Amino acid sequence: VDLQKAESTLQKWKAIKKGEVVYTDRLGSRILAAQIHFLSALHAASQNHWSVAAQELEQAVKRTPFDAESQYTLAKSYDMLKKRRSAEKALEKAREINSCLE
């Protein structure tokens, strides 16, 4: 997935909607919304913008709390921000969802 293209598409969508993109509560919509936040977080992390990455991952986890990869990546972001307790909680949650994560 081309992260810049995904980000560009999201920004265009936000411009059309004139602000925050609102998703319905349907599972498919929540998964799509979470994926957009997850990809935005990966892009921010690649630029060492850990606070932005954590914010995006918090949104992803809010929409899909069953996603172990988002939880795990959130834990890594918190760790980079020196938020040890938050990192431990997110890692614990990720392991609850998927015990194979390490």
PDB file of N, CA and C in Angstrom:
ATOM      1  N   VAL A   1       0.843  -1.181   0.000  1.00  0.00           N
ATOM      2  CA  VAL A   1       0.000   0.000   0.000  1.00  0.00           C
ATOM      3  C   VAL A   1       0.886   1.241   0.000  1.00  0.00           C
ATOM      4  N   ASP A   2       0.585   2.137  -0.863  1.00  0.00           N
ATOM      5  CA  ASP A   2       1.315   3.392  -0.940  1.00  0.00           C
ATOM      6  C   ASP A   2       0.747   4.347   0.107  1.00  0.00           C
ATOM      7  N   LEU A   3       1.521   4.589   1.173  1.00  0.00           N
ATOM      8  CA  LEU A   3       1.031   5.399   2.292  1.00  0.00           C
ATOM      9  C   LEU A   3       0.731   6.828   1.878  1.00  0.00           C
ATOM     10  N   GLN A   4       1.537   7.385   1.001  1.00  0.00           N
ATOM     11  CA  GLN A   4       1.288   8.758   0.569  1.00  0.00           C
ATOM     12  C   GLN A   4      -0.013   8.850  -0.217  1.00  0.00           C
ATOM     13  N   LYS A   5      -0.294   7.845  -1.033  1.00  0.00           N
ATOM     14  CA  LYS A   5      -1.535   7.839  -1.794  1.00  0.00           C
ATOM     15  C   LYS A   5      -2.731   7.699  -0.850  1.00  0.00           C
ATOM     16  N   ALA A   6      -2.612   6.821   0.154  1.00  0.00           N
ATOM     17  CA  ALA A   6      -3.688   6.646   1.129  1.00  0.00           C
ATOM     18  C   ALA A   6      -3.927   7.939   1.895  1.00  0.00           C
ATOM     19  N   GLU A   7      -2.859   8.599   2.301  1.00  0.00           N
ATOM     20  CA  GLU A   7      -2.986   9.863   3.029  1.00  0.00           C
ATOM     21  C   GLU A   7      -3.622  10.933   2.146  1.00  0.00           C
ATOM     22  N   SER A   8      -3.212  10.990   0.891  1.00  0.00           N
ATOM     23  CA  SER A   8      -3.766  11.959  -0.044  1.00  0.00           C
ATOM     24  C   SER A   8      -5.265  11.729  -0.236  1.00  0.00           C
ATOM     25  N   THR A   9      -5.645  10.467  -0.377  1.00  0.00           N
ATOM     26  CA  THR A   9      -7.060  10.134  -0.535  1.00  0.00           C
ATOM     27  C   THR A   9      -7.850  10.550   0.700  1.00  0.00           C
ATOM     28  N   LEU A  10      -7.304  10.284   1.880  1.00  0.00           N
ATOM     29  CA  LEU A  10      -7.972  10.668   3.121  1.00  0.00           C
ATOM     30  C   LEU A  10      -8.139  12.180   3.201  1.00  0.00           C
ATOM     31  N   GLN A  11      -7.103  12.926   2.848  1.00  0.00           N
ATOM     32  CA  GLN A  11      -7.178  14.390   2.905  1.00  0.00           C
ATOM     33  C   GLN A  11      -8.221  14.927   1.922  1.00  0.00           C
ATOM     34  N   LYS A  12      -8.291  14.344   0.731  1.00  0.00           N
ATOM     35  CA  LYS A  12      -9.304  14.759  -0.240  1.00  0.00           C
ATOM     36  C   LYS A  12     -10.708  14.468   0.284  1.00  0.00           C
ATOM     37  N   TRP A  13     -10.859  13.308   0.913  1.00  0.00           N
ATOM     38  CA  TRP A  13     -12.148  12.918   1.461  1.00  0.00           C
ATOM     39  C   TRP A  13     -12.559  13.879   2.572  1.00  0.00           C
ATOM     40  N   LYS A  14     -11.623  14.235   3.430  1.00  0.00           N
ATOM     41  CA  LYS A  14     -11.905  15.188   4.504  1.00  0.00           C
ATOM     42  C   LYS A  14     -12.301  16.548   3.926  1.00  0.00           C
ATOM     43  N   ALA A  15     -11.644  16.965   2.852  1.00  0.00           N
ATOM     44  CA  ALA A  15     -11.958  18.252   2.232  1.00  0.00           C
ATOM     45  C   ALA A  15     -13.371  18.238   1.650  1.00  0.00           C
ATOM     46  N   ILE A  16     -13.736  17.148   1.020  1.00  0.00           N
ATOM     47  CA  ILE A  16     -15.074  17.023   0.449  1.00  0.00           C
ATOM     48  C   ILE A  16     -16.124  17.071   1.556  1.00  0.00           C
ATOM     49  N   LYS A  17     -15.827  16.390   2.666  1.00  0.00           N
ATOM     50  CA  LYS A  17     -16.765  16.336   3.794  1.00  0.00           C
ATOM     51  C   LYS A  17     -16.675  17.579   4.683  1.00  0.00           C
ATOM     52  N   LYS A  18     -15.702  18.463   4.379  1.00  0.00           N
ATOM     53  CA  LYS A  18     -15.484  19.697   5.140  1.00  0.00           C
ATOM     54  C   LYS A  18     -15.196  19.427   6.618  1.00  0.00           C
ATOM     55  N   GLY A  19     -14.212  18.586   6.860  1.00  0.00           N
ATOM     56  CA  GLY A  19     -13.799  18.328   8.237  1.00  0.00           C
ATOM     57  C   GLY A  19     -13.652  16.851   8.524  1.00  0.00           C
ATOM     58  N   GLU A  20     -14.061  16.473   9.699  1.00  0.00           N
ATOM     59  CA  GLU A  20     -13.915  15.093  10.165  1.00  0.00           C
ATOM     60  C   GLU A  20     -14.738  14.134   9.320  1.00  0.00           C
ATOM     61  N   VAL A  21     -14.112  13.030   8.962  1.00  0.00           N
ATOM     62  CA  VAL A  21     -14.813  11.990   8.236  1.00  0.00           C
ATOM     63  C   VAL A  21     -15.604  11.188   9.259  1.00  0.00           C
ATOM     64  N   VAL A  22     -16.893  11.022   9.020  1.00  0.00           N
ATOM     65  CA  VAL A  22     -17.754  10.293   9.941  1.00  0.00           C
ATOM     66  C   VAL A  22     -18.037   8.917   9.344  1.00  0.00           C
ATOM     67  N   TYR A  23     -17.836   7.908  10.156  1.00  0.00           N
ATOM     68  CA  TYR A  23     -18.066   6.539   9.720  1.00  0.00           C
ATOM     69  C   TYR A  23     -19.309   6.005  10.424  1.00  0.00           C
ATOM     70  N   THR A  24     -20.004   5.122   9.761  1.00  0.00           N
ATOM     71  CA  THR A  24     -21.146   4.489  10.413  1.00  0.00           C
ATOM     72  C   THR A  24     -20.618   3.452  11.390  1.00  0.00           C
ATOM     73  N   ASP A  25     -21.488   2.855  12.161  1.00  0.00           N
ATOM     74  CA  ASP A  25     -21.076   1.882  13.154  1.00  0.00           C
ATOM     75  C   ASP A  25     -21.000   0.469  12.583  1.00  0.00           C
ATOM     76  N   ARG A  26     -21.188   0.322  11.297  1.00  0.00           N
ATOM     77  CA  ARG A  26     -21.098  -0.996  10.680  1.00  0.00           C
ATOM     78  C   ARG A  26     -19.662  -1.497  10.754  1.00  0.00           C
ATOM     79  N   LEU A  27     -19.492  -2.798  10.964  1.00  0.00           N
ATOM     80  CA  LEU A  27     -18.166  -3.374  11.163  1.00  0.00           C
ATOM     81  C   LEU A  27     -17.230  -3.076  10.000  1.00  0.00           C
ATOM     82  N   GLY A  28     -17.700  -3.214   8.777  1.00  0.00           N
ATOM     83  CA  GLY A  28     -16.850  -2.942   7.622  1.00  0.00           C
ATOM     84  C   GLY A  28     -16.347  -1.514   7.609  1.00  0.00           C
ATOM     85  N   SER A  29     -17.219  -0.575   7.959  1.00  0.00           N
ATOM     86  CA  SER A  29     -16.832   0.832   8.008  1.00  0.00           C
ATOM     87  C   SER A  29     -15.814   1.072   9.113  1.00  0.00           C
ATOM     88  N   ARG A  30     -16.021   0.431  10.266  1.00  0.00           N
ATOM     89  CA  ARG A  30     -15.077   0.597  11.371  1.00  0.00           C
ATOM     90  C   ARG A  30     -13.714   0.022  11.011  1.00  0.00           C
ATOM     91  N   ILE A  31     -13.694  -1.112  10.343  1.00  0.00           N
ATOM     92  CA  ILE A  31     -12.425  -1.717   9.945  1.00  0.00           C
ATOM     93  C   ILE A  31     -11.709  -0.825   8.941  1.00  0.00           C
ATOM     94  N   LEU A  32     -12.436  -0.289   7.973  1.00  0.00           N
ATOM     95  CA  LEU A  32     -11.845   0.615   6.997  1.00  0.00           C
ATOM     96  C   LEU A  32     -11.290   1.861   7.687  1.00  0.00           C
ATOM     97  N   ALA A  33     -12.067   2.445   8.583  1.00  0.00           N
ATOM     98  CA  ALA A  33     -11.613   3.630   9.310  1.00  0.00           C
ATOM     99  C   ALA A  33     -10.376   3.316  10.126  1.00  0.00           C
ATOM    100  N   ALA A  34     -10.380   2.177  10.795  1.00  0.00           N
ATOM    101  CA  ALA A  34      -9.223   1.781  11.600  1.00  0.00           C
ATOM    102  C   ALA A  34      -7.989   1.594  10.720  1.00  0.00           C
ATOM    103  N   GLN A  35      -8.175   1.025   9.547  1.00  0.00           N
ATOM    104  CA  GLN A  35      -7.043   0.805   8.637  1.00  0.00           C
ATOM    105  C   GLN A  35      -6.447   2.133   8.182  1.00  0.00           C
ATOM    106  N   ILE A  36      -7.285   3.109   7.927  1.00  0.00           N
ATOM    107  CA  ILE A  36      -6.788   4.430   7.536  1.00  0.00           C
ATOM    108  C   ILE A  36      -5.953   5.025   8.666  1.00  0.00           C
ATOM    109  N   HIS A  37      -6.444   4.928   9.890  1.00  0.00           N
ATOM    110  CA  HIS A  37      -5.685   5.437  11.034  1.00  0.00           C
ATOM    111  C   HIS A  37      -4.387   4.649  11.230  1.00  0.00           C
ATOM    112  N   PHE A  38      -4.455   3.333  11.041  1.00  0.00           N
ATOM    113  CA  PHE A  38      -3.265   2.500  11.188  1.00  0.00           C
ATOM    114  C   PHE A  38      -2.196   2.896  10.166  1.00  0.00           C
ATOM    115  N   LEU A  39      -2.605   3.081   8.919  1.00  0.00           N
ATOM    116  CA  LEU A  39      -1.645   3.480   7.876  1.00  0.00           C
ATOM    117  C   LEU A  39      -1.088   4.875   8.135  1.00  0.00           C
ATOM    118  N   SER A  40      -1.923   5.772   8.610  1.00  0.00           N
ATOM    119  CA  SER A  40      -1.440   7.115   8.968  1.00  0.00           C
ATOM    120  C   SER A  40      -0.429   7.024  10.105  1.00  0.00           C
ATOM    121  N   ALA A  41      -0.683   6.130  11.050  1.00  0.00           N
ATOM    122  CA  ALA A  41       0.248   5.930  12.168  1.00  0.00           C
ATOM    123  C   ALA A  41       1.586   5.387  11.681  1.00  0.00           C
ATOM    124  N   LEU A  42       1.545   4.433  10.776  1.00  0.00           N
ATOM    125  CA  LEU A  42       2.805   3.881  10.241  1.00  0.00           C
ATOM    126  C   LEU A  42       3.603   4.970   9.524  1.00  0.00           C
ATOM    127  N   HIS A  43       2.897   5.812   8.796  1.00  0.00           N
ATOM    128  CA  HIS A  43       3.571   6.912   8.108  1.00  0.00           C
ATOM    129  C   HIS A  43       4.203   7.862   9.120  1.00  0.00           C
ATOM    130  N   ALA A  44       3.465   8.224  10.152  1.00  0.00           N
ATOM    131  CA  ALA A  44       3.994   9.126  11.191  1.00  0.00           C
ATOM    132  C   ALA A  44       5.195   8.484  11.889  1.00  0.00           C
ATOM    133  N   ALA A  45       5.098   7.204  12.192  1.00  0.00           N
ATOM    134  CA  ALA A  45       6.208   6.514  12.859  1.00  0.00           C
ATOM    135  C   ALA A  45       7.452   6.484  11.968  1.00  0.00           C
ATOM    136  N   SER A  46       7.249   6.329  10.675  1.00  0.00           N
ATOM    137  CA  SER A  46       8.401   6.307   9.767  1.00  0.00           C
ATOM    138  C   SER A  46       9.120   7.657   9.738  1.00  0.00           C
ATOM    139  N   GLN A  47       8.417   8.704  10.151  1.00  0.00           N
ATOM    140  CA  GLN A  47       8.989  10.050  10.223  1.00  0.00           C
ATOM    141  C   GLN A  47       9.403  10.408  11.662  1.00  0.00           C
ATOM    142  N   ASN A  48       9.342   9.408  12.560  1.00  0.00           N
ATOM    143  CA  ASN A  48       9.660   9.590  13.985  1.00  0.00           C
ATOM    144  C   ASN A  48       8.730  10.576  14.679  1.00  0.00           C
ATOM    145  N   HIS A  49       7.493  10.666  14.224  1.00  0.00           N
ATOM    146  CA  HIS A  49       6.471  11.491  14.854  1.00  0.00           C
ATOM    147  C   HIS A  49       5.613  10.569  15.740  1.00  0.00           C
ATOM    148  N   TRP A  50       6.197  10.197  16.874  1.00  0.00           N
ATOM    149  CA  TRP A  50       5.594   9.172  17.716  1.00  0.00           C
ATOM    150  C   TRP A  50       4.300   9.608  18.373  1.00  0.00           C
ATOM    151  N   SER A  51       4.167  10.885  18.705  1.00  0.00           N
ATOM    152  CA  SER A  51       2.913  11.317  19.333  1.00  0.00           C
ATOM    153  C   SER A  51       1.762  11.257  18.325  1.00  0.00           C
ATOM    154  N   VAL A  52       2.035  11.626  17.088  1.00  0.00           N
ATOM    155  CA  VAL A  52       1.010  11.525  16.034  1.00  0.00           C
ATOM    156  C   VAL A  52       0.676  10.053  15.788  1.00  0.00           C
ATOM    157  N   ALA A  53       1.704   9.216  15.747  1.00  0.00           N
ATOM    158  CA  ALA A  53       1.484   7.781  15.550  1.00  0.00           C
ATOM    159  C   ALA A  53       0.601   7.222  16.662  1.00  0.00           C
ATOM    160  N   ALA A  54       0.886   7.594  17.899  1.00  0.00           N
ATOM    161  CA  ALA A  54       0.094   7.103  19.028  1.00  0.00           C
ATOM    162  C   ALA A  54      -1.354   7.582  18.928  1.00  0.00           C
ATOM    163  N   GLN A  55      -1.556   8.842  18.544  1.00  0.00           N
ATOM    164  CA  GLN A  55      -2.919   9.363  18.400  1.00  0.00           C
ATOM    165  C   GLN A  55      -3.695   8.608  17.330  1.00  0.00           C
ATOM    166  N   GLU A  56      -3.035   8.356  16.209  1.00  0.00           N
ATOM    167  CA  GLU A  56      -3.697   7.618  15.121  1.00  0.00           C
ATOM    168  C   GLU A  56      -4.007   6.186  15.553  1.00  0.00           C
ATOM    169  N   LEU A  57      -3.079   5.560  16.257  1.00  0.00           N
ATOM    170  CA  LEU A  57      -3.300   4.189  16.714  1.00  0.00           C
ATOM    171  C   LEU A  57      -4.391   4.116  17.773  1.00  0.00           C
ATOM    172  N   GLU A  58      -4.484   5.131  18.610  1.00  0.00           N
ATOM    173  CA  GLU A  58      -5.578   5.178  19.589  1.00  0.00           C
ATOM    174  C   GLU A  58      -6.923   5.189  18.871  1.00  0.00           C
ATOM    175  N   GLN A  59      -6.998   5.919  17.759  1.00  0.00           N
ATOM    176  CA  GLN A  59      -8.234   5.949  16.969  1.00  0.00           C
ATOM    177  C   GLN A  59      -8.498   4.590  16.321  1.00  0.00           C
ATOM    178  N   ALA A  60      -7.438   3.946  15.835  1.00  0.00           N
ATOM    179  CA  ALA A  60      -7.592   2.621  15.230  1.00  0.00           C
ATOM    180  C   ALA A  60      -8.098   1.617  16.262  1.00  0.00           C
ATOM    181  N   VAL A  61      -7.510   1.646  17.452  1.00  0.00           N
ATOM    182  CA  VAL A  61      -7.889   0.717  18.518  1.00  0.00           C
ATOM    183  C   VAL A  61      -9.309   1.002  19.009  1.00  0.00           C
ATOM    184  N   LYS A  62      -9.675   2.263  19.030  1.00  0.00           N
ATOM    185  CA  LYS A  62     -11.033   2.635  19.431  1.00  0.00           C
ATOM    186  C   LYS A  62     -12.067   1.992  18.496  1.00  0.00           C
ATOM    187  N   ARG A  63     -11.758   1.963  17.209  1.00  0.00           N
ATOM    188  CA  ARG A  63     -12.692   1.430  16.220  1.00  0.00           C
ATOM    189  C   ARG A  63     -12.640  -0.097  16.127  1.00  0.00           C
ATOM    190  N   THR A  64     -11.456  -0.665  16.306  1.00  0.00           N
ATOM    191  CA  THR A  64     -11.306  -2.121  16.212  1.00  0.00           C
ATOM    192  C   THR A  64     -10.459  -2.619  17.391  1.00  0.00           C
ATOM    193  N   PRO A  65     -11.052  -2.699  18.571  1.00  0.00           N
ATOM    194  CA  PRO A  65     -10.298  -3.120  19.756  1.00  0.00           C
ATOM    195  C   PRO A  65      -9.815  -4.564  19.697  1.00  0.00           C
ATOM    196  N   PHE A  66     -10.294  -5.335  18.740  1.00  0.00           N
ATOM    197  CA  PHE A  66      -9.892  -6.730  18.575  1.00  0.00           C
ATOM    198  C   PHE A  66      -8.666  -6.892  17.676  1.00  0.00           C
ATOM    199  N   ASP A  67      -8.092  -5.783  17.213  1.00  0.00           N
ATOM    200  CA  ASP A  67      -6.938  -5.833  16.307  1.00  0.00           C
ATOM    201  C   ASP A  67      -5.639  -5.843  17.108  1.00  0.00           C
ATOM    202  N   ALA A  68      -5.038  -7.018  17.205  1.00  0.00           N
ATOM    203  CA  ALA A  68      -3.813  -7.183  17.988  1.00  0.00           C
ATOM    204  C   ALA A  68      -2.654  -6.380  17.410  1.00  0.00           C
ATOM    205  N   GLU A  69      -2.574  -6.294  16.102  1.00  0.00           N
ATOM    206  CA  GLU A  69      -1.460  -5.570  15.482  1.00  0.00           C
ATOM    207  C   GLU A  69      -1.505  -4.078  15.820  1.00  0.00           C
ATOM    208  N   SER A  70      -2.693  -3.492  15.824  1.00  0.00           N
ATOM    209  CA  SER A  70      -2.811  -2.082  16.201  1.00  0.00           C
ATOM    210  C   SER A  70      -2.449  -1.886  17.668  1.00  0.00           C
ATOM    211  N   GLN A  71      -2.907  -2.791  18.522  1.00  0.00           N
ATOM    212  CA  GLN A  71      -2.565  -2.716  19.943  1.00  0.00           C
ATOM    213  C   GLN A  71      -1.057  -2.828  20.149  1.00  0.00           C
ATOM    214  N   TYR A  72      -0.441  -3.758  19.453  1.00  0.00           N
ATOM    215  CA  TYR A  72       1.001  -3.984  19.581  1.00  0.00           C
ATOM    216  C   TYR A  72       1.781  -2.757  19.086  1.00  0.00           C
ATOM    217  N   THR A  73       1.374  -2.216  17.966  1.00  0.00           N
ATOM    218  CA  THR A  73       2.049  -1.045  17.417  1.00  0.00           C
ATOM    219  C   THR A  73       1.832   0.168  18.318  1.00  0.00           C
ATOM    220  N   LEU A  74       0.670   0.266  18.930  1.00  0.00           N
ATOM    221  CA  LEU A  74       0.411   1.327  19.905  1.00  0.00           C
ATOM    222  C   LEU A  74       1.367   1.187  21.090  1.00  0.00           C
ATOM    223  N   ALA A  75       1.572  -0.034  21.549  1.00  0.00           N
ATOM    224  CA  ALA A  75       2.512  -0.274  22.651  1.00  0.00           C
ATOM    225  C   ALA A  75       3.917   0.202  22.274  1.00  0.00           C
ATOM    226  N   LYS A  76       4.333  -0.092  21.045  1.00  0.00           N
ATOM    227  CA  LYS A  76       5.657   0.355  20.591  1.00  0.00           C
ATOM    228  C   LYS A  76       5.735   1.879  20.537  1.00  0.00           C
ATOM    229  N   SER A  77       4.651   2.525  20.098  1.00  0.00           N
ATOM    230  CA  SER A  77       4.628   3.990  20.043  1.00  0.00           C
ATOM    231  C   SER A  77       4.715   4.589  21.438  1.00  0.00           C
ATOM    232  N   TYR A  78       3.937   4.039  22.370  1.00  0.00           N
ATOM    233  CA  TYR A  78       3.997   4.518  23.753  1.00  0.00           C
ATOM    234  C   TYR A  78       5.401   4.332  24.330  1.00  0.00           C
ATOM    235  N   ASP A  79       6.010   3.213  23.996  1.00  0.00           N
ATOM    236  CA  ASP A  79       7.374   2.960  24.475  1.00  0.00           C
ATOM    237  C   ASP A  79       8.335   4.026  23.962  1.00  0.00           C
ATOM    238  N   MET A  80       8.201   4.402  22.706  1.00  0.00           N
ATOM    239  CA  MET A  80       9.069   5.442  22.139  1.00  0.00           C
ATOM    240  C   MET A  80       8.816   6.799  22.798  1.00  0.00           C
ATOM    241  N   LEU A  81       7.599   6.992  23.312  1.00  0.00           N
ATOM    242  CA  LEU A  81       7.252   8.246  23.999  1.00  0.00           C
ATOM    243  C   LEU A  81       7.565   8.180  25.495  1.00  0.00           C
ATOM    244  N   LYS A  82       8.153   7.060  25.930  1.00  0.00           N
ATOM    245  CA  LYS A  82       8.508   6.849  27.341  1.00  0.00           C
ATOM    246  C   LYS A  82       7.274   6.760  28.238  1.00  0.00           C
ATOM    247  N   LYS A  83       6.160   6.355  27.672  1.00  0.00           N
ATOM    248  CA  LYS A  83       4.924   6.150  28.442  1.00  0.00           C
ATOM    249  C   LYS A  83       4.852   4.663  28.783  1.00  0.00           C
ATOM    250  N   ARG A  84       5.675   4.272  29.740  1.00  0.00           N
ATOM    251  CA  ARG A  84       5.872   2.855  30.056  1.00  0.00           C
ATOM    252  C   ARG A  84       4.595   2.138  30.483  1.00  0.00           C
ATOM    253  N   ARG A  85       3.825   2.733  31.380  1.00  0.00           N
ATOM    254  CA  ARG A  85       2.610   2.060  31.867  1.00  0.00           C
ATOM    255  C   ARG A  85       1.600   1.879  30.732  1.00  0.00           C
ATOM    256  N   SER A  86       1.434   2.896  29.916  1.00  0.00           N
ATOM    257  CA  SER A  86       0.524   2.779  28.773  1.00  0.00           C
ATOM    258  C   SER A  86       1.022   1.728  27.794  1.00  0.00           C
ATOM    259  N   ALA A  87       2.335   1.680  27.597  1.00  0.00           N
ATOM    260  CA  ALA A  87       2.922   0.678  26.705  1.00  0.00           C
ATOM    261  C   ALA A  87       2.661  -0.728  27.238  1.00  0.00           C
ATOM    262  N   GLU A  88       2.821  -0.909  28.539  1.00  0.00           N
ATOM    263  CA  GLU A  88       2.578  -2.220  29.134  1.00  0.00           C
ATOM    264  C   GLU A  88       1.125  -2.649  28.982  1.00  0.00           C
ATOM    265  N   LYS A  89       0.206  -1.720  29.196  1.00  0.00           N
ATOM    266  CA  LYS A  89      -1.222  -2.028  29.060  1.00  0.00           C
ATOM    267  C   LYS A  89      -1.573  -2.416  27.627  1.00  0.00           C
ATOM    268  N   ALA A  90      -1.062  -1.650  26.664  1.00  0.00           N
ATOM    269  CA  ALA A  90      -1.353  -1.948  25.255  1.00  0.00           C
ATOM    270  C   ALA A  90      -0.743  -3.287  24.849  1.00  0.00           C
ATOM    271  N   LEU A  91       0.462  -3.578  25.325  1.00  0.00           N
ATOM    272  CA  LEU A  91       1.105  -4.850  25.003  1.00  0.00           C
ATOM    273  C   LEU A  91       0.342  -6.010  25.634  1.00  0.00           C
ATOM    274  N   GLU A  92      -0.105  -5.829  26.861  1.00  0.00           N
ATOM    275  CA  GLU A  92      -0.901  -6.859  27.534  1.00  0.00           C
ATOM    276  C   GLU A  92      -2.187  -7.141  26.755  1.00  0.00           C
ATOM    277  N   LYS A  93      -2.835  -6.084  26.298  1.00  0.00           N
ATOM    278  CA  LYS A  93      -4.069  -6.241  25.511  1.00  0.00           C
ATOM    279  C   LYS A  93      -3.773  -6.970  24.195  1.00  0.00           C
ATOM    280  N   ALA A  94      -2.682  -6.598  23.537  1.00  0.00           N
ATOM    281  CA  ALA A  94      -2.315  -7.250  22.277  1.00  0.00           C
ATOM    282  C   ALA A  94      -2.076  -8.735  22.508  1.00  0.00           C
ATOM    283  N   ARG A  95      -1.438  -9.092  23.593  1.00  0.00           N
ATOM    284  CA  ARG A  95      -1.173 -10.512  23.893  1.00  0.00           C
ATOM    285  C   ARG A  95      -2.450 -11.261  24.271  1.00  0.00           C
ATOM    286  N   GLU A  96      -3.410 -10.560  24.890  1.00  0.00           N
ATOM    287  CA  GLU A  96      -4.693 -11.188  25.185  1.00  0.00           C
ATOM    288  C   GLU A  96      -5.408 -11.576  23.886  1.00  0.00           C
ATOM    289  N   ILE A  97      -5.298 -10.697  22.903  1.00  0.00           N
ATOM    290  CA  ILE A  97      -5.954 -10.937  21.618  1.00  0.00           C
ATOM    291  C   ILE A  97      -5.229 -12.003  20.834  1.00  0.00           C
ATOM    292  N   ASN A  98      -3.899 -11.933  20.830  1.00  0.00           N
ATOM    293  CA  ASN A  98      -3.074 -12.866  20.064  1.00  0.00           C
ATOM    294  C   ASN A  98      -1.852 -13.230  20.885  1.00  0.00           C
ATOM    295  N   SER A  99      -1.866 -14.396  21.484  1.00  0.00           N
ATOM    296  CA  SER A  99      -0.780 -14.820  22.373  1.00  0.00           C
ATOM    297  C   SER A  99       0.536 -15.073  21.632  1.00  0.00           C
ATOM    298  N   CYS A 100       0.513 -15.081  20.306  1.00  0.00           N
ATOM    299  CA  CYS A 100       1.741 -15.299  19.530  1.00  0.00           C
ATOM    300  C   CYS A 100       2.570 -14.036  19.353  1.00  0.00           C
ATOM    301  N   LEU A 101       2.021 -12.888  19.703  1.00  0.00           N
ATOM    302  CA  LEU A 101       2.759 -11.628  19.536  1.00  0.00           C
ATOM    303  C   LEU A 101       3.933 -11.558  20.481  1.00  0.00           C
ATOM    304  N   GLU A 102       5.004 -11.080  19.985  1.00  0.00           N
ATOM    305  CA  GLU A 102       6.187 -10.872  20.795  1.00  0.00           C
ATOM    306  C   GLU A 102       6.987  -9.792  20.209  1.00  0.00           C
TER     307      GLU A 102
END
